[in-house]
Amino acid sequence: MGGEAVIEGTRIAVWHIVGYYYKVGMSAEDILAEWEYLNPAAIFSALAYYHDHKEEIDRVREENSYEHWQKEQPAHAVA
């Protein structure tokens, strides 16, 4: 496929928008305030993409989660 799904013309991954909207509870207006160069259509297109590709986006979100990285990285000994 060619990498992560992003909002067209940006480097913002769809999973970021999904996380802010569904997990954090931000509104589309809140997200637009964070990324002023986006428009409402971009936000809702990202959410529509998520609903059409839920399994893929959920997997990518999990792979990029803090908890996932904690499990993947070995514990570092402190001297």
C-alpha atoms as a PDB file:
ATOM      1  CA  MET A   1       0.000   0.000   0.000  1.00  0.00           C
ATOM      2  CA  GLY A   2       2.827   2.420   0.619  1.00  0.00           C
ATOM      3  CA  GLY A   3       2.891   3.437   4.273  1.00  0.00           C
ATOM      4  CA  GLU A   4       0.653   5.134   6.802  1.00  0.00           C
ATOM      5  CA  ALA A   5      -2.603   6.751   5.817  1.00  0.00           C
ATOM      6  CA  VAL A   6      -2.217  10.525   6.082  1.00  0.00           C
ATOM      7  CA  ILE A   7      -4.413  13.515   5.403  1.00  0.00           C
ATOM      8  CA  GLU A   8      -3.825  14.508   1.800  1.00  0.00           C
ATOM      9  CA  GLY A   9      -1.234  17.258   1.434  1.00  0.00           C
ATOM     10  CA  THR A  10       0.024  16.835   5.010  1.00  0.00           C
ATOM     11  CA  ARG A  11       2.102  14.515   7.138  1.00  0.00           C
ATOM     12  CA  ILE A  12      -0.681  14.129   9.698  1.00  0.00           C
ATOM     13  CA  ALA A  13      -1.536  10.458  10.113  1.00  0.00           C
ATOM     14  CA  VAL A  14      -5.182   9.456  10.143  1.00  0.00           C
ATOM     15  CA  TRP A  15      -4.583   7.591  13.396  1.00  0.00           C
ATOM     16  CA  HIS A  16      -3.638  10.880  15.096  1.00  0.00           C
ATOM     17  CA  ILE A  17      -6.978  12.438  14.194  1.00  0.00           C
ATOM     18  CA  VAL A  18      -8.826   9.281  15.246  1.00  0.00           C
ATOM     19  CA  GLY A  19      -7.058   9.282  18.600  1.00  0.00           C
ATOM     20  CA  TYR A  20      -7.840  12.902  19.328  1.00  0.00           C
ATOM     21  CA  TYR A  21     -11.453  12.595  18.215  1.00  0.00           C
ATOM     22  CA  TYR A  22     -12.460   9.238  19.711  1.00  0.00           C
ATOM     23  CA  LYS A  23      -9.994   8.567  22.505  1.00  0.00           C
ATOM     24  CA  VAL A  24      -9.294  12.067  23.848  1.00  0.00           C
ATOM     25  CA  GLY A  25     -12.775  13.353  23.040  1.00  0.00           C
ATOM     26  CA  MET A  26     -11.737  16.440  21.090  1.00  0.00           C
ATOM     27  CA  SER A  27     -14.304  17.930  18.743  1.00  0.00           C
ATOM     28  CA  ALA A  28     -13.551  18.667  15.103  1.00  0.00           C
ATOM     29  CA  GLU A  29     -13.303  22.333  16.125  1.00  0.00           C
ATOM     30  CA  ASP A  30     -10.737  21.475  18.813  1.00  0.00           C
ATOM     31  CA  ILE A  31      -8.666  19.528  16.295  1.00  0.00           C
ATOM     32  CA  LEU A  32      -8.864  22.408  13.822  1.00  0.00           C
ATOM     33  CA  ALA A  33      -7.573  24.749  16.529  1.00  0.00           C
ATOM     34  CA  GLU A  34      -4.534  22.459  16.957  1.00  0.00           C
ATOM     35  CA  TRP A  35      -3.842  22.209  13.216  1.00  0.00           C
ATOM     36  CA  GLU A  36      -5.003  25.541  11.814  1.00  0.00           C
ATOM     37  CA  TYR A  37      -4.003  24.623   8.259  1.00  0.00           C
ATOM     38  CA  LEU A  38      -6.556  21.784   8.139  1.00  0.00           C
ATOM     39  CA  ASN A  39     -10.199  22.263   7.243  1.00  0.00           C
ATOM     40  CA  PRO A  40     -13.341  20.474   8.428  1.00  0.00           C
ATOM     41  CA  ALA A  41     -13.467  18.332   5.277  1.00  0.00           C
ATOM     42  CA  ALA A  42      -9.978  16.982   6.041  1.00  0.00           C
ATOM     43  CA  ILE A  43     -11.004  16.003   9.575  1.00  0.00           C
ATOM     44  CA  PHE A  44     -14.179  14.269   8.488  1.00  0.00           C
ATOM     45  CA  SER A  45     -12.430  12.583   5.556  1.00  0.00           C
ATOM     46  CA  ALA A  46      -9.901  11.148   8.011  1.00  0.00           C
ATOM     47  CA  LEU A  47     -12.722   9.886  10.226  1.00  0.00           C
ATOM     48  CA  ALA A  48     -14.524   8.393   7.217  1.00  0.00           C
ATOM     49  CA  TYR A  49     -11.307   6.671   6.160  1.00  0.00           C
ATOM     50  CA  TYR A  50     -11.044   5.244   9.661  1.00  0.00           C
ATOM     51  CA  HIS A  51     -14.528   3.756   9.475  1.00  0.00           C
ATOM     52  CA  ASP A  52     -13.705   2.164   6.116  1.00  0.00           C
ATOM     53  CA  HIS A  53     -10.334   0.815   7.365  1.00  0.00           C
ATOM     54  CA  LYS A  54     -10.927   0.410  11.103  1.00  0.00           C
ATOM     55  CA  GLU A  55      -8.811  -2.716  11.602  1.00  0.00           C
ATOM     56  CA  GLU A  56      -5.801  -1.199   9.822  1.00  0.00           C
ATOM     57  CA  ILE A  57      -5.964   2.134  11.673  1.00  0.00           C
ATOM     58  CA  ASP A  58      -6.543   0.491  15.065  1.00  0.00           C
ATOM     59  CA  ARG A  59      -3.476  -1.704  14.466  1.00  0.00           C
ATOM     60  CA  VAL A  60      -1.325   1.312  13.559  1.00  0.00           C
ATOM     61  CA  ARG A  61      -2.613   3.232  16.600  1.00  0.00           C
ATOM     62  CA  GLU A  62      -1.668   0.300  18.836  1.00  0.00           C
ATOM     63  CA  GLU A  63       1.780   0.011  17.243  1.00  0.00           C
ATOM     64  CA  ASN A  64       2.378   3.702  17.928  1.00  0.00           C
ATOM     65  CA  SER A  65       1.016   3.732  21.468  1.00  0.00           C
ATOM     66  CA  TYR A  66       3.181   4.499  24.478  1.00  0.00           C
ATOM     67  CA  GLU A  67       2.207   1.185  26.047  1.00  0.00           C
ATOM     68  CA  HIS A  68       3.319  -0.741  22.955  1.00  0.00           C
ATOM     69  CA  TRP A  69       6.711   0.953  22.949  1.00  0.00           C
ATOM     70  CA  GLN A  70       7.157   0.270  26.660  1.00  0.00           C
ATOM     71  CA  LYS A  71       6.651  -3.450  26.021  1.00  0.00           C
ATOM     72  CA  GLU A  72       8.928  -3.462  22.975  1.00  0.00           C
ATOM     73  CA  GLN A  73      11.885  -1.651  24.550  1.00  0.00           C
ATOM     74  CA  PRO A  74      14.076  -3.556  26.989  1.00  0.00           C
ATOM     75  CA  ALA A  75      14.383  -2.124  30.462  1.00  0.00           C
ATOM     76  CA  HIS A  76      17.484  -0.004  30.897  1.00  0.00           C
ATOM     77  CA  ALA A  77      19.546  -0.581  33.992  1.00  0.00           C
ATOM     78  CA  VAL A  78      20.363   2.523  35.981  1.00  0.00           C
ATOM     79  CA  ALA A  79      23.824   2.520  37.521  1.00  0.00           C
END
